[in-house]
Amino acid sequence: KLKEEVFIKHVKGPLFFGSTSEFQSL
């Protein structure tokens, strides 16, 4: 149950105005 309630989010690369929409979608 705990394994399914904890999620991992990877951000691999710069977070700038060209990638914000994809970040929010993720």
PDB file of all heavy atoms in Angstrom:
ATOM      1  N   LYS A   1       0.830  -1.198   0.000  1.00  0.00           N
ATOM      2  CA  LYS A   1       0.000   0.000   0.000  1.00  0.00           C
ATOM      3  C   LYS A   1       0.873   1.260   0.000  1.00  0.00           C
ATOM      4  O   LYS A   1       0.637   2.233  -0.718  1.00  0.00           O
ATOM      5  CB  LYS A   1      -0.943  -0.008   1.199  1.00  0.00           C
ATOM      6  CG  LYS A   1      -1.990   1.120   1.169  1.00  0.00           C
ATOM      7  CD  LYS A   1      -2.972   0.974   2.317  1.00  0.00           C
ATOM      8  CE  LYS A   1      -4.116   1.982   2.180  1.00  0.00           C
ATOM      9  NZ  LYS A   1      -3.659   3.367   2.178  1.00  0.00           N
ATOM     10  N   LEU A   2       1.933   1.228   0.824  1.00  0.00           N
ATOM     11  CA  LEU A   2       2.825   2.381   0.907  1.00  0.00           C
ATOM     12  C   LEU A   2       3.548   2.614  -0.416  1.00  0.00           C
ATOM     13  O   LEU A   2       3.719   3.753  -0.866  1.00  0.00           O
ATOM     14  CB  LEU A   2       3.839   2.168   2.036  1.00  0.00           C
ATOM     15  CG  LEU A   2       4.838   3.315   2.269  1.00  0.00           C
ATOM     16  CD1 LEU A   2       4.096   4.578   2.671  1.00  0.00           C
ATOM     17  CD2 LEU A   2       5.854   2.942   3.328  1.00  0.00           C
ATOM     18  N   LYS A   3       3.941   1.499  -1.034  1.00  0.00           N
ATOM     19  CA  LYS A   3       4.638   1.633  -2.317  1.00  0.00           C
ATOM     20  C   LYS A   3       3.764   2.315  -3.370  1.00  0.00           C
ATOM     21  O   LYS A   3       4.255   3.028  -4.237  1.00  0.00           O
ATOM     22  CB  LYS A   3       5.055   0.253  -2.831  1.00  0.00           C
ATOM     23  CG  LYS A   3       6.144  -0.410  -1.998  1.00  0.00           C
ATOM     24  CD  LYS A   3       6.463  -1.781  -2.557  1.00  0.00           C
ATOM     25  CE  LYS A   3       7.491  -2.504  -1.690  1.00  0.00           C
ATOM     26  NZ  LYS A   3       7.780  -3.852  -2.204  1.00  0.00           N
ATOM     27  N   GLU A   4       2.459   2.104  -3.318  1.00  0.00           N
ATOM     28  CA  GLU A   4       1.554   2.694  -4.303  1.00  0.00           C
ATOM     29  C   GLU A   4       1.153   4.119  -3.925  1.00  0.00           C
ATOM     30  O   GLU A   4       0.588   4.838  -4.750  1.00  0.00           O
ATOM     31  CB  GLU A   4       0.300   1.820  -4.439  1.00  0.00           C
ATOM     32  CG  GLU A   4       0.552   0.440  -5.005  1.00  0.00           C
ATOM     33  CD  GLU A   4       1.221   0.487  -6.364  1.00  0.00           C
ATOM     34  OE1 GLU A   4       0.891   1.403  -7.154  1.00  0.00           O
ATOM     35  OE2 GLU A   4       2.088  -0.352  -6.634  1.00  0.00           O
ATOM     36  N   GLU A   5       1.437   4.548  -2.685  1.00  0.00           N
ATOM     37  CA  GLU A   5       1.048   5.890  -2.264  1.00  0.00           C
ATOM     38  C   GLU A   5       2.207   6.886  -2.353  1.00  0.00           C
ATOM     39  O   GLU A   5       2.012   8.079  -2.185  1.00  0.00           O
ATOM     40  CB  GLU A   5       0.518   5.855  -0.819  1.00  0.00           C
ATOM     41  CG  GLU A   5      -0.835   5.171  -0.692  1.00  0.00           C
ATOM     42  CD  GLU A   5      -1.344   5.154   0.743  1.00  0.00           C
ATOM     43  OE1 GLU A   5      -0.554   5.532   1.639  1.00  0.00           O
ATOM     44  OE2 GLU A   5      -2.495   4.778   0.947  1.00  0.00           O
ATOM     45  N   VAL A   6       3.412   6.394  -2.576  1.00  0.00           N
ATOM     46  CA  VAL A   6       4.582   7.269  -2.732  1.00  0.00           C
ATOM     47  C   VAL A   6       4.980   7.274  -4.209  1.00  0.00           C
ATOM     48  O   VAL A   6       5.194   6.211  -4.793  1.00  0.00           O
ATOM     49  CB  VAL A   6       5.760   6.792  -1.862  1.00  0.00           C
ATOM     50  CG1 VAL A   6       6.984   7.675  -2.085  1.00  0.00           C
ATOM     51  CG2 VAL A   6       5.367   6.800  -0.392  1.00  0.00           C
ATOM     52  N   PHE A   7       5.085   8.463  -4.764  1.00  0.00           N
ATOM     53  CA  PHE A   7       5.433   8.592  -6.181  1.00  0.00           C
ATOM     54  C   PHE A   7       6.715   9.400  -6.332  1.00  0.00           C
ATOM     55  O   PHE A   7       7.018  10.292  -5.541  1.00  0.00           O
ATOM     56  CB  PHE A   7       4.291   9.258  -6.958  1.00  0.00           C
ATOM     57  CG  PHE A   7       3.178   8.308  -7.295  1.00  0.00           C
ATOM     58  CD1 PHE A   7       2.233   7.947  -6.333  1.00  0.00           C
ATOM     59  CD2 PHE A   7       3.084   7.747  -8.555  1.00  0.00           C
ATOM     60  CE1 PHE A   7       1.228   7.061  -6.629  1.00  0.00           C
ATOM     61  CE2 PHE A   7       2.077   6.856  -8.864  1.00  0.00           C
ATOM     62  CZ  PHE A   7       1.140   6.506  -7.909  1.00  0.00           C
ATOM     63  N   ILE A   8       7.440   9.049  -7.382  1.00  0.00           N
ATOM     64  CA  ILE A   8       8.722   9.699  -7.670  1.00  0.00           C
ATOM     65  C   ILE A   8       8.564  10.554  -8.927  1.00  0.00           C
ATOM     66  O   ILE A   8       8.075  10.073  -9.957  1.00  0.00           O
ATOM     67  CB  ILE A   8       9.845   8.673  -7.925  1.00  0.00           C
ATOM     68  CG1 ILE A   8       9.811   7.566  -6.866  1.00  0.00           C
ATOM     69  CG2 ILE A   8      11.206   9.353  -7.979  1.00  0.00           C
ATOM     70  CD1 ILE A   8      10.037   8.052  -5.466  1.00  0.00           C
ATOM     71  N   LYS A   9       8.978  11.811  -8.846  1.00  0.00           N
ATOM     72  CA  LYS A   9       8.953  12.689 -10.033  1.00  0.00           C
ATOM     73  C   LYS A   9      10.390  13.080 -10.366  1.00  0.00           C
ATOM     74  O   LYS A   9      11.102  13.634  -9.537  1.00  0.00           O
ATOM     75  CB  LYS A   9       8.126  13.942  -9.769  1.00  0.00           C
ATOM     76  CG  LYS A   9       8.117  14.918 -10.947  1.00  0.00           C
ATOM     77  CD  LYS A   9       7.170  16.071 -10.699  1.00  0.00           C
ATOM     78  CE  LYS A   9       7.259  17.112 -11.805  1.00  0.00           C
ATOM     79  NZ  LYS A   9       6.971  16.590 -13.124  1.00  0.00           N
ATOM     80  N   HIS A  10      10.796  12.751 -11.587  1.00  0.00           N
ATOM     81  CA  HIS A  10      12.137  13.108 -12.064  1.00  0.00           C
ATOM     82  C   HIS A  10      12.049  14.380 -12.900  1.00  0.00           C
ATOM     83  O   HIS A  10      11.187  14.513 -13.762  1.00  0.00           O
ATOM     84  CB  HIS A  10      12.708  12.000 -12.957  1.00  0.00           C
ATOM     85  CG  HIS A  10      13.069  10.751 -12.209  1.00  0.00           C
ATOM     86  ND1 HIS A  10      14.344  10.473 -11.812  1.00  0.00           N
ATOM     87  CD2 HIS A  10      12.305   9.703 -11.785  1.00  0.00           C
ATOM     88  CE1 HIS A  10      14.368   9.309 -11.183  1.00  0.00           C
ATOM     89  NE2 HIS A  10      13.140   8.821 -11.159  1.00  0.00           N
ATOM     90  N   VAL A  11      12.971  15.306 -12.663  1.00  0.00           N
ATOM     91  CA  VAL A  11      13.137  16.468 -13.557  1.00  0.00           C
ATOM     92  C   VAL A  11      14.559  16.383 -14.097  1.00  0.00           C
ATOM     93  O   VAL A  11      15.526  16.608 -13.374  1.00  0.00           O
ATOM     94  CB  VAL A  11      12.919  17.801 -12.814  1.00  0.00           C
ATOM     95  CG1 VAL A  11      13.047  18.965 -13.798  1.00  0.00           C
ATOM     96  CG2 VAL A  11      11.551  17.830 -12.150  1.00  0.00           C
ATOM     97  N   LYS A  12      14.674  16.014 -15.355  1.00  0.00           N
ATOM     98  CA  LYS A  12      15.987  15.765 -15.954  1.00  0.00           C
ATOM     99  C   LYS A  12      16.263  16.805 -17.033  1.00  0.00           C
ATOM    100  O   LYS A  12      15.927  16.622 -18.201  1.00  0.00           O
ATOM    101  CB  LYS A  12      16.037  14.358 -16.548  1.00  0.00           C
ATOM    102  CG  LYS A  12      15.826  13.259 -15.518  1.00  0.00           C
ATOM    103  CD  LYS A  12      15.811  11.890 -16.172  1.00  0.00           C
ATOM    104  CE  LYS A  12      15.563  10.780 -15.156  1.00  0.00           C
ATOM    105  NZ  LYS A  12      15.468   9.457 -15.801  1.00  0.00           N
ATOM    106  N   GLY A  13      16.856  17.911 -16.623  1.00  0.00           N
ATOM    107  CA  GLY A  13      17.153  18.987 -17.559  1.00  0.00           C
ATOM    108  C   GLY A  13      16.709  20.318 -16.988  1.00  0.00           C
ATOM    109  O   GLY A  13      16.032  20.390 -15.965  1.00  0.00           O
ATOM    110  N   PRO A  14      17.084  21.424 -17.636  1.00  0.00           N
ATOM    111  CA  PRO A  14      16.722  22.755 -17.145  1.00  0.00           C
ATOM    112  C   PRO A  14      15.214  22.981 -17.195  1.00  0.00           C
ATOM    113  O   PRO A  14      14.542  22.529 -18.127  1.00  0.00           O
ATOM    114  CB  PRO A  14      17.461  23.703 -18.103  1.00  0.00           C
ATOM    115  CG  PRO A  14      17.686  22.899 -19.336  1.00  0.00           C
ATOM    116  CD  PRO A  14      17.869  21.491 -18.889  1.00  0.00           C
ATOM    117  N   LEU A  15      14.706  23.683 -16.202  1.00  0.00           N
ATOM    118  CA  LEU A  15      13.288  24.031 -16.169  1.00  0.00           C
ATOM    119  C   LEU A  15      13.198  25.524 -16.504  1.00  0.00           C
ATOM    120  O   LEU A  15      13.475  26.373 -15.667  1.00  0.00           O
ATOM    121  CB  LEU A  15      12.706  23.744 -14.788  1.00  0.00           C
ATOM    122  CG  LEU A  15      11.191  23.972 -14.634  1.00  0.00           C
ATOM    123  CD1 LEU A  15      10.402  23.125 -15.615  1.00  0.00           C
ATOM    124  CD2 LEU A  15      10.759  23.687 -13.207  1.00  0.00           C
ATOM    125  N   PHE A  16      12.850  25.820 -17.765  1.00  0.00           N
ATOM    126  CA  PHE A  16      12.781  27.207 -18.215  1.00  0.00           C
ATOM    127  C   PHE A  16      11.494  27.409 -19.009  1.00  0.00           C
ATOM    128  O   PHE A  16      10.693  26.487 -19.135  1.00  0.00           O
ATOM    129  CB  PHE A  16      14.016  27.564 -19.041  1.00  0.00           C
ATOM    130  CG  PHE A  16      14.087  26.867 -20.373  1.00  0.00           C
ATOM    131  CD1 PHE A  16      13.957  27.565 -21.561  1.00  0.00           C
ATOM    132  CD2 PHE A  16      14.293  25.486 -20.443  1.00  0.00           C
ATOM    133  CE1 PHE A  16      14.033  26.915 -22.780  1.00  0.00           C
ATOM    134  CE2 PHE A  16      14.364  24.836 -21.660  1.00  0.00           C
ATOM    135  CZ  PHE A  16      14.225  25.560 -22.835  1.00  0.00           C
ATOM    136  N   PHE A  17      11.308  28.614 -19.519  1.00  0.00           N
ATOM    137  CA  PHE A  17      10.008  28.923 -20.133  1.00  0.00           C
ATOM    138  C   PHE A  17       9.668  28.032 -21.315  1.00  0.00           C
ATOM    139  O   PHE A  17       8.509  27.910 -21.687  1.00  0.00           O
ATOM    140  CB  PHE A  17       9.943  30.401 -20.544  1.00  0.00           C
ATOM    141  CG  PHE A  17      10.911  30.793 -21.632  1.00  0.00           C
ATOM    142  CD1 PHE A  17      10.558  30.714 -22.963  1.00  0.00           C
ATOM    143  CD2 PHE A  17      12.177  31.249 -21.310  1.00  0.00           C
ATOM    144  CE1 PHE A  17      11.449  31.080 -23.955  1.00  0.00           C
ATOM    145  CE2 PHE A  17      13.073  31.626 -22.295  1.00  0.00           C
ATOM    146  CZ  PHE A  17      12.707  31.532 -23.628  1.00  0.00           C
ATOM    147  N   GLY A  18      10.686  27.391 -21.896  1.00  0.00           N
ATOM    148  CA  GLY A  18      10.399  26.499 -23.014  1.00  0.00           C
ATOM    149  C   GLY A  18       9.925  25.121 -22.581  1.00  0.00           C
ATOM    150  O   GLY A  18       9.476  24.326 -23.409  1.00  0.00           O
ATOM    151  N   SER A  19      10.025  24.794 -21.274  1.00  0.00           N
ATOM    152  CA  SER A  19       9.643  23.457 -20.826  1.00  0.00           C
ATOM    153  C   SER A  19       8.608  23.465 -19.706  1.00  0.00           C
ATOM    154  O   SER A  19       8.284  22.419 -19.164  1.00  0.00           O
ATOM    155  CB  SER A  19      10.892  22.693 -20.354  1.00  0.00           C
ATOM    156  OG  SER A  19      11.527  23.374 -19.292  1.00  0.00           O
ATOM    157  N   THR A  20       8.081  24.643 -19.349  1.00  0.00           N
ATOM    158  CA  THR A  20       7.148  24.728 -18.216  1.00  0.00           C
ATOM    159  C   THR A  20       5.843  23.994 -18.485  1.00  0.00           C
ATOM    160  O   THR A  20       5.294  23.341 -17.590  1.00  0.00           O
ATOM    161  CB  THR A  20       6.853  26.190 -17.857  1.00  0.00           C
ATOM    162  OG1 THR A  20       6.435  26.877 -19.045  1.00  0.00           O
ATOM    163  CG2 THR A  20       8.071  26.876 -17.281  1.00  0.00           C
ATOM    164  N   SER A  21       5.336  24.088 -19.718  1.00  0.00           N
ATOM    165  CA  SER A  21       4.051  23.440 -20.013  1.00  0.00           C
ATOM    166  C   SER A  21       4.170  21.926 -19.889  1.00  0.00           C
ATOM    167  O   SER A  21       3.273  21.255 -19.350  1.00  0.00           O
ATOM    168  CB  SER A  21       3.548  23.829 -21.401  1.00  0.00           C
ATOM    169  OG  SER A  21       4.485  23.459 -22.389  1.00  0.00           O
ATOM    170  N   GLU A  22       5.305  21.365 -20.362  1.00  0.00           N
ATOM    171  CA  GLU A  22       5.513  19.923 -20.246  1.00  0.00           C
ATOM    172  C   GLU A  22       5.674  19.517 -18.780  1.00  0.00           C
ATOM    173  O   GLU A  22       5.193  18.470 -18.352  1.00  0.00           O
ATOM    174  CB  GLU A  22       6.761  19.495 -21.037  1.00  0.00           C
ATOM    175  CG  GLU A  22       6.610  19.536 -22.554  1.00  0.00           C
ATOM    176  CD  GLU A  22       6.836  20.926 -23.115  1.00  0.00           C
ATOM    177  OE1 GLU A  22       7.098  21.859 -22.321  1.00  0.00           O
ATOM    178  OE2 GLU A  22       6.731  21.096 -24.342  1.00  0.00           O
ATOM    179  N   PHE A  23       6.334  20.362 -18.001  1.00  0.00           N
ATOM    180  CA  PHE A  23       6.508  20.098 -16.572  1.00  0.00           C
ATOM    181  C   PHE A  23       5.150  20.049 -15.863  1.00  0.00           C
ATOM    182  O   PHE A  23       4.884  19.148 -15.062  1.00  0.00           O
ATOM    183  CB  PHE A  23       7.396  21.178 -15.949  1.00  0.00           C
ATOM    184  CG  PHE A  23       7.510  21.078 -14.456  1.00  0.00           C
ATOM    185  CD1 PHE A  23       8.352  20.144 -13.868  1.00  0.00           C
ATOM    186  CD2 PHE A  23       6.759  21.906 -13.622  1.00  0.00           C
ATOM    187  CE1 PHE A  23       8.457  20.037 -12.483  1.00  0.00           C
ATOM    188  CE2 PHE A  23       6.849  21.806 -12.249  1.00  0.00           C
ATOM    189  CZ  PHE A  23       7.711  20.870 -11.679  1.00  0.00           C
ATOM    190  N   GLN A  24       4.295  21.018 -16.173  1.00  0.00           N
ATOM    191  CA  GLN A  24       2.978  21.054 -15.535  1.00  0.00           C
ATOM    192  C   GLN A  24       2.119  19.864 -15.972  1.00  0.00           C
ATOM    193  O   GLN A  24       1.355  19.307 -15.177  1.00  0.00           O
ATOM    194  CB  GLN A  24       2.285  22.376 -15.850  1.00  0.00           C
ATOM    195  CG  GLN A  24       2.937  23.554 -15.118  1.00  0.00           C
ATOM    196  CD  GLN A  24       2.456  24.894 -15.615  1.00  0.00           C
ATOM    197  OE1 GLN A  24       2.207  25.076 -16.801  1.00  0.00           O
ATOM    198  NE2 GLN A  24       2.326  25.855 -14.707  1.00  0.00           N
ATOM    199  N   SER A  25       2.256  19.465 -17.235  1.00  0.00           N
ATOM    200  CA  SER A  25       1.517  18.287 -17.724  1.00  0.00           C
ATOM    201  C   SER A  25       1.979  17.035 -16.995  1.00  0.00           C
ATOM    202  O   SER A  25       1.174  16.163 -16.646  1.00  0.00           O
ATOM    203  CB  SER A  25       1.736  18.114 -19.234  1.00  0.00           C
ATOM    204  OG  SER A  25       1.258  19.228 -19.946  1.00  0.00           O
ATOM    205  N   LEU A  26       3.274  16.953 -16.754  1.00  0.00           N
ATOM    206  CA  LEU A  26       3.839  15.803 -16.062  1.00  0.00           C
ATOM    207  C   LEU A  26       3.340  15.760 -14.608  1.00  0.00           C
ATOM    208  O   LEU A  26       2.998  14.706 -14.079  1.00  0.00           O
ATOM    209  CB  LEU A  26       5.370  15.894 -16.088  1.00  0.00           C
ATOM    210  CG  LEU A  26       6.160  14.597 -15.921  1.00  0.00           C
ATOM    211  CD1 LEU A  26       5.854  13.637 -17.049  1.00  0.00           C
ATOM    212  CD2 LEU A  26       7.654  14.896 -15.889  1.00  0.00           C
TER     213      LEU A  26
END
